[in-house]
Amino acid sequence: MVQNQNQLRGLILFSFLAIVLYSCNCHHEGNGYVYDDRTRTPIENARIEIMAAVPGKDTLFPAVYTDSRGFFQYKHNSCNDMVTIYKKNYIGHSLKDMQGDTIYLEYLEGN
């Protein structure tokens, strides 16, 4: 009987912790600048994607794009924090959450 009560307490504690951890809301914010690696000029309209921790979704929406200064800023509530930067004719760049970082994208030769 005592063993059954201990098992029940353990199961209840495990269930409680699992619910608390599962319902955790992760909030991430990031910002930075994107530049051409050769010219050191800002890249406008580079797409910033945050990988989703949601089954069936690849990225979080809406997408974020750099402005005329190459600046971007995002906020999301996903527990995954992988950021990928894309721009046509450039090699994409992935990294963890960003705070004030400057990224230099490499131009694809022959484009």
C-alpha atoms as a PDB file:
ATOM      1  CA  MET A   1       0.000   0.000   0.000  1.00  0.00           C
ATOM      2  CA  VAL A   2       2.808   2.433   0.908  1.00  0.00           C
ATOM      3  CA  GLN A   3       4.627   1.567  -2.311  1.00  0.00           C
ATOM      4  CA  ASN A   4       1.476   2.309  -4.361  1.00  0.00           C
ATOM      5  CA  GLN A   5       1.079   5.687  -2.632  1.00  0.00           C
ATOM      6  CA  ASN A   6       4.718   6.578  -3.362  1.00  0.00           C
ATOM      7  CA  GLN A   7       4.278   5.566  -6.998  1.00  0.00           C
ATOM      8  CA  LEU A   8       1.117   7.675  -7.235  1.00  0.00           C
ATOM      9  CA  ARG A   9       2.883  10.687  -5.689  1.00  0.00           C
ATOM     10  CA  GLY A  10       5.765  10.251  -8.122  1.00  0.00           C
ATOM     11  CA  LEU A  11       3.367  10.054 -11.068  1.00  0.00           C
ATOM     12  CA  ILE A  12       1.511  13.175  -9.935  1.00  0.00           C
ATOM     13  CA  LEU A  13       4.771  15.095  -9.454  1.00  0.00           C
ATOM     14  CA  PHE A  14       6.051  13.987 -12.860  1.00  0.00           C
ATOM     15  CA  SER A  15       2.768  14.990 -14.519  1.00  0.00           C
ATOM     16  CA  PHE A  16       2.807  18.393 -12.833  1.00  0.00           C
ATOM     17  CA  LEU A  17       6.397  19.095 -13.903  1.00  0.00           C
ATOM     18  CA  ALA A  18       5.706  17.920 -17.452  1.00  0.00           C
ATOM     19  CA  ILE A  19       2.710  20.266 -17.745  1.00  0.00           C
ATOM     20  CA  VAL A  20       4.666  23.216 -16.333  1.00  0.00           C
ATOM     21  CA  LEU A  21       7.615  22.656 -18.647  1.00  0.00           C
ATOM     22  CA  TYR A  22       5.434  22.039 -21.701  1.00  0.00           C
ATOM     23  CA  SER A  23       3.427  25.208 -21.160  1.00  0.00           C
ATOM     24  CA  CYS A  24       6.551  27.349 -20.754  1.00  0.00           C
ATOM     25  CA  ASN A  25       6.355  30.350 -23.071  1.00  0.00           C
ATOM     26  CA  CYS A  26       9.777  31.170 -24.482  1.00  0.00           C
ATOM     27  CA  HIS A  27      10.114  34.787 -25.586  1.00  0.00           C
ATOM     28  CA  HIS A  28      12.975  35.843 -27.846  1.00  0.00           C
ATOM     29  CA  GLU A  29      13.897  39.198 -29.303  1.00  0.00           C
ATOM     30  CA  GLY A  30      16.671  39.956 -31.727  1.00  0.00           C
ATOM     31  CA  ASN A  31      18.058  42.634 -33.967  1.00  0.00           C
ATOM     32  CA  GLY A  32      21.054  43.390 -36.098  1.00  0.00           C
ATOM     33  CA  TYR A  33      22.384  44.489 -39.445  1.00  0.00           C
ATOM     34  CA  VAL A  34      23.029  42.638 -42.697  1.00  0.00           C
ATOM     35  CA  TYR A  35      25.787  43.795 -45.072  1.00  0.00           C
ATOM     36  CA  ASP A  36      27.412  42.651 -48.307  1.00  0.00           C
ATOM     37  CA  ASP A  37      30.735  41.018 -47.422  1.00  0.00           C
ATOM     38  CA  ARG A  38      32.590  42.579 -50.392  1.00  0.00           C
ATOM     39  CA  THR A  39      31.251  46.128 -50.501  1.00  0.00           C
ATOM     40  CA  ARG A  40      30.342  46.460 -46.805  1.00  0.00           C
ATOM     41  CA  THR A  41      27.082  48.146 -47.875  1.00  0.00           C
ATOM     42  CA  PRO A  42      23.697  47.394 -46.271  1.00  0.00           C
ATOM     43  CA  ILE A  43      21.554  44.693 -47.852  1.00  0.00           C
ATOM     44  CA  GLU A  44      17.942  45.798 -48.111  1.00  0.00           C
ATOM     45  CA  ASN A  45      15.029  43.307 -48.050  1.00  0.00           C
ATOM     46  CA  ALA A  46      17.020  40.342 -46.754  1.00  0.00           C
ATOM     47  CA  ARG A  47      14.548  37.842 -45.298  1.00  0.00           C
ATOM     48  CA  ILE A  48      14.965  36.930 -41.627  1.00  0.00           C
ATOM     49  CA  GLU A  49      13.410  33.579 -40.662  1.00  0.00           C
ATOM     50  CA  ILE A  50      13.075  32.100 -37.199  1.00  0.00           C
ATOM     51  CA  MET A  51      12.786  28.323 -37.209  1.00  0.00           C
ATOM     52  CA  ALA A  52       9.543  27.185 -35.616  1.00  0.00           C
ATOM     53  CA  ALA A  53       9.277  24.687 -32.803  1.00  0.00           C
ATOM     54  CA  VAL A  54       5.761  23.964 -34.043  1.00  0.00           C
ATOM     55  CA  PRO A  55       5.067  20.631 -35.741  1.00  0.00           C
ATOM     56  CA  GLY A  56       4.155  21.115 -39.384  1.00  0.00           C
ATOM     57  CA  LYS A  57       5.600  24.626 -39.677  1.00  0.00           C
ATOM     58  CA  ASP A  58       9.051  25.464 -40.970  1.00  0.00           C
ATOM     59  CA  THR A  59       9.213  29.082 -39.883  1.00  0.00           C
ATOM     60  CA  LEU A  60       7.364  31.603 -37.798  1.00  0.00           C
ATOM     61  CA  PHE A  61       5.338  34.274 -39.537  1.00  0.00           C
ATOM     62  CA  PRO A  62       5.132  37.055 -40.454  1.00  0.00           C
ATOM     63  CA  ALA A  63       8.563  37.194 -42.044  1.00  0.00           C
ATOM     64  CA  VAL A  64      10.905  40.014 -41.110  1.00  0.00           C
ATOM     65  CA  TYR A  65      12.963  41.911 -43.695  1.00  0.00           C
ATOM     66  CA  THR A  66      15.891  44.291 -43.435  1.00  0.00           C
ATOM     67  CA  ASP A  67      15.295  47.979 -44.110  1.00  0.00           C
ATOM     68  CA  SER A  68      17.369  50.328 -46.307  1.00  0.00           C
ATOM     69  CA  ARG A  69      20.058  50.454 -43.595  1.00  0.00           C
ATOM     70  CA  GLY A  70      20.239  46.636 -43.469  1.00  0.00           C
ATOM     71  CA  PHE A  71      18.606  46.723 -40.019  1.00  0.00           C
ATOM     72  CA  PHE A  72      16.091  44.160 -38.775  1.00  0.00           C
ATOM     73  CA  GLN A  73      14.290  43.428 -35.524  1.00  0.00           C
ATOM     74  CA  TYR A  74      12.077  40.531 -34.469  1.00  0.00           C
ATOM     75  CA  LYS A  75      10.142  39.126 -31.533  1.00  0.00           C
ATOM     76  CA  HIS A  76       8.735  35.622 -31.233  1.00  0.00           C
ATOM     77  CA  ASN A  77       7.393  33.204 -28.652  1.00  0.00           C
ATOM     78  CA  SER A  78       8.997  29.992 -29.781  1.00  0.00           C
ATOM     79  CA  CYS A  79      11.408  27.934 -27.720  1.00  0.00           C
ATOM     80  CA  ASN A  80      13.591  27.444 -30.775  1.00  0.00           C
ATOM     81  CA  ASP A  81      15.960  30.272 -31.516  1.00  0.00           C
ATOM     82  CA  MET A  82      17.654  29.456 -34.827  1.00  0.00           C
ATOM     83  CA  VAL A  83      17.703  32.479 -37.138  1.00  0.00           C
ATOM     84  CA  THR A  84      18.397  32.223 -40.875  1.00  0.00           C
ATOM     85  CA  ILE A  85      19.041  35.167 -43.200  1.00  0.00           C
ATOM     86  CA  TYR A  86      18.293  34.847 -46.928  1.00  0.00           C
ATOM     87  CA  LYS A  87      18.781  37.154 -49.895  1.00  0.00           C
ATOM     88  CA  LYS A  88      18.702  36.251 -53.587  1.00  0.00           C
ATOM     89  CA  ASN A  89      22.214  35.913 -55.039  1.00  0.00           C
ATOM     90  CA  TYR A  90      23.756  35.544 -51.562  1.00  0.00           C
ATOM     91  CA  ILE A  91      24.696  32.536 -49.454  1.00  0.00           C
ATOM     92  CA  GLY A  92      22.240  32.141 -46.571  1.00  0.00           C
ATOM     93  CA  HIS A  93      23.503  32.462 -43.020  1.00  0.00           C
ATOM     94  CA  SER A  94      22.148  30.695 -39.897  1.00  0.00           C
ATOM     95  CA  LEU A  95      22.911  31.380 -36.249  1.00  0.00           C
ATOM     96  CA  LYS A  96      21.364  31.466 -32.799  1.00  0.00           C
ATOM     97  CA  ASP A  97      19.237  34.387 -31.590  1.00  0.00           C
ATOM     98  CA  MET A  98      20.805  37.744 -32.344  1.00  0.00           C
ATOM     99  CA  GLN A  99      21.242  40.909 -30.316  1.00  0.00           C
ATOM    100  CA  GLY A 100      22.914  43.778 -32.147  1.00  0.00           C
ATOM    101  CA  ASP A 101      24.947  41.491 -34.394  1.00  0.00           C
ATOM    102  CA  THR A 102      26.267  42.474 -37.803  1.00  0.00           C
ATOM    103  CA  ILE A 103      26.144  39.751 -40.443  1.00  0.00           C
ATOM    104  CA  TYR A 104      28.079  39.881 -43.699  1.00  0.00           C
ATOM    105  CA  LEU A 105      26.477  37.785 -46.451  1.00  0.00           C
ATOM    106  CA  GLU A 106      28.697  36.335 -49.155  1.00  0.00           C
ATOM    107  CA  TYR A 107      27.707  37.195 -52.705  1.00  0.00           C
ATOM    108  CA  LEU A 108      27.380  34.255 -55.120  1.00  0.00           C
ATOM    109  CA  GLU A 109      29.806  34.862 -57.967  1.00  0.00           C
ATOM    110  CA  GLY A 110      28.388  34.654 -61.490  1.00  0.00           C
ATOM    111  CA  ASN A 111      24.991  36.127 -60.586  1.00  0.00           C
END
